[in-house]
């Protein structure tokens, strides 16, 4: 596999990481605001909190894939 093929994959995965991170932070801010406004603490996760959790798992997944591609690129460069 040519090395140049992996660079666009890394860039796309990095874009997914940033997208997931921003969406997760927005969901976190929304969940915090909703909890404060309603005074609900300890009554189970809100939909915003569930969305935050989902986006943070997506971020970790894309980061892992990006690291794997970088490892493959480094191994192929030897």
C-alpha atoms as a PDB file:
ATOM      1  CA  UNK A   1       0.000   0.000   0.000  1.00  0.00           C
ATOM      2  CA  UNK A   2       1.436   3.416  -0.915  1.00  0.00           C
ATOM      3  CA  UNK A   3       2.269   5.657   2.019  1.00  0.00           C
ATOM      4  CA  UNK A   4       0.598   8.730   0.513  1.00  0.00           C
ATOM      5  CA  UNK A   5      -2.759   6.940   0.693  1.00  0.00           C
ATOM      6  CA  UNK A   6      -2.673   6.954   4.512  1.00  0.00           C
ATOM      7  CA  UNK A   7      -2.203  10.710   4.933  1.00  0.00           C
ATOM      8  CA  UNK A   8      -5.730  11.671   3.729  1.00  0.00           C
ATOM      9  CA  UNK A   9      -7.149   8.956   5.971  1.00  0.00           C
ATOM     10  CA  UNK A  10      -5.374  10.511   8.969  1.00  0.00           C
ATOM     11  CA  UNK A  11      -6.705  13.964   8.046  1.00  0.00           C
ATOM     12  CA  UNK A  12     -10.282  12.661   7.738  1.00  0.00           C
ATOM     13  CA  UNK A  13     -10.045  10.827  11.061  1.00  0.00           C
ATOM     14  CA  UNK A  14      -8.669  13.963  12.726  1.00  0.00           C
ATOM     15  CA  UNK A  15     -11.670  15.864  11.353  1.00  0.00           C
ATOM     16  CA  UNK A  16     -14.001  13.276  12.872  1.00  0.00           C
ATOM     17  CA  UNK A  17     -12.184  13.609  16.209  1.00  0.00           C
ATOM     18  CA  UNK A  18     -12.621  17.392  16.229  1.00  0.00           C
ATOM     19  CA  UNK A  19     -16.275  17.104  15.161  1.00  0.00           C
ATOM     20  CA  UNK A  20     -17.028  14.564  17.899  1.00  0.00           C
ATOM     21  CA  UNK A  21     -15.190  16.647  20.488  1.00  0.00           C
ATOM     22  CA  UNK A  22     -17.092  19.819  19.638  1.00  0.00           C
ATOM     23  CA  UNK A  23     -20.444  18.018  19.620  1.00  0.00           C
ATOM     24  CA  UNK A  24     -19.605  16.385  22.971  1.00  0.00           C
ATOM     25  CA  UNK A  25     -18.638  19.708  24.561  1.00  0.00           C
ATOM     26  CA  UNK A  26     -21.831  21.339  23.262  1.00  0.00           C
ATOM     27  CA  UNK A  27     -23.869  18.454  24.698  1.00  0.00           C
ATOM     28  CA  UNK A  28     -21.999  18.826  28.004  1.00  0.00           C
ATOM     29  CA  UNK A  29     -22.791  22.522  28.195  1.00  0.00           C
ATOM     30  CA  UNK A  30     -26.425  21.874  27.316  1.00  0.00           C
ATOM     31  CA  UNK A  31     -26.715  19.102  29.916  1.00  0.00           C
ATOM     32  CA  UNK A  32     -25.177  21.323  32.590  1.00  0.00           C
ATOM     33  CA  UNK A  33     -27.527  24.187  31.762  1.00  0.00           C
ATOM     34  CA  UNK A  34     -30.570  21.891  31.755  1.00  0.00           C
ATOM     35  CA  UNK A  35     -29.628  20.400  35.138  1.00  0.00           C
ATOM     36  CA  UNK A  36     -29.159  23.803  36.731  1.00  0.00           C
ATOM     37  CA  UNK A  37     -32.341  25.247  35.240  1.00  0.00           C
ATOM     38  CA  UNK A  38     -34.518  22.343  36.365  1.00  0.00           C
ATOM     39  CA  UNK A  39     -32.684  21.590  39.593  1.00  0.00           C
ATOM     40  CA  UNK A  40     -32.442  17.928  38.635  1.00  0.00           C
ATOM     41  CA  UNK A  41     -29.470  16.202  40.141  1.00  0.00           C
ATOM     42  CA  UNK A  42     -29.203  12.441  40.598  1.00  0.00           C
ATOM     43  CA  UNK A  43     -32.403  11.501  38.775  1.00  0.00           C
ATOM     44  CA  UNK A  44     -30.795   9.616  35.913  1.00  0.00           C
ATOM     45  CA  UNK A  45     -29.167  10.828  32.727  1.00  0.00           C
ATOM     46  CA  UNK A  46     -30.877  13.437  30.587  1.00  0.00           C
ATOM     47  CA  UNK A  47     -31.009  13.119  26.796  1.00  0.00           C
ATOM     48  CA  UNK A  48     -28.244  15.743  26.580  1.00  0.00           C
ATOM     49  CA  UNK A  49     -26.041  13.731  28.893  1.00  0.00           C
ATOM     50  CA  UNK A  50     -26.637  10.585  26.857  1.00  0.00           C
ATOM     51  CA  UNK A  51     -25.703  12.490  23.693  1.00  0.00           C
ATOM     52  CA  UNK A  52     -22.550  13.785  25.397  1.00  0.00           C
ATOM     53  CA  UNK A  53     -21.551  10.259  26.341  1.00  0.00           C
ATOM     54  CA  UNK A  54     -22.192   9.011  22.811  1.00  0.00           C
ATOM     55  CA  UNK A  55     -20.068  11.754  21.254  1.00  0.00           C
ATOM     56  CA  UNK A  56     -17.179  11.206  23.665  1.00  0.00           C
ATOM     57  CA  UNK A  57     -17.142   7.490  22.837  1.00  0.00           C
ATOM     58  CA  UNK A  58     -17.095   8.423  19.136  1.00  0.00           C
ATOM     59  CA  UNK A  59     -14.138  10.742  19.781  1.00  0.00           C
ATOM     60  CA  UNK A  60     -12.181   7.983  21.499  1.00  0.00           C
ATOM     61  CA  UNK A  61     -12.977   5.583  18.638  1.00  0.00           C
ATOM     62  CA  UNK A  62     -11.772   8.017  15.968  1.00  0.00           C
ATOM     63  CA  UNK A  63      -8.654   8.880  17.961  1.00  0.00           C
ATOM     64  CA  UNK A  64      -7.830   5.199  18.246  1.00  0.00           C
ATOM     65  CA  UNK A  65      -8.271   4.705  14.518  1.00  0.00           C
ATOM     66  CA  UNK A  66      -6.076   7.726  13.770  1.00  0.00           C
ATOM     67  CA  UNK A  67      -3.337   6.400  16.053  1.00  0.00           C
ATOM     68  CA  UNK A  68      -3.572   3.003  14.352  1.00  0.00           C
ATOM     69  CA  UNK A  69      -3.154   4.611  10.913  1.00  0.00           C
ATOM     70  CA  UNK A  70      -0.148   6.604  12.167  1.00  0.00           C
ATOM     71  CA  UNK A  71       1.418   3.399  13.507  1.00  0.00           C
ATOM     72  CA  UNK A  72       0.864   1.717  10.144  1.00  0.00           C
ATOM     73  CA  UNK A  73       2.366   4.717   8.371  1.00  0.00           C
ATOM     74  CA  UNK A  74       5.426   4.660  10.638  1.00  0.00           C
ATOM     75  CA  UNK A  75       5.839   0.916  10.168  1.00  0.00           C
ATOM     76  CA  UNK A  76       5.571   1.284   6.391  1.00  0.00           C
ATOM     77  CA  UNK A  77       8.177   4.043   6.316  1.00  0.00           C
ATOM     78  CA  UNK A  78      10.949   1.758   7.562  1.00  0.00           C
END
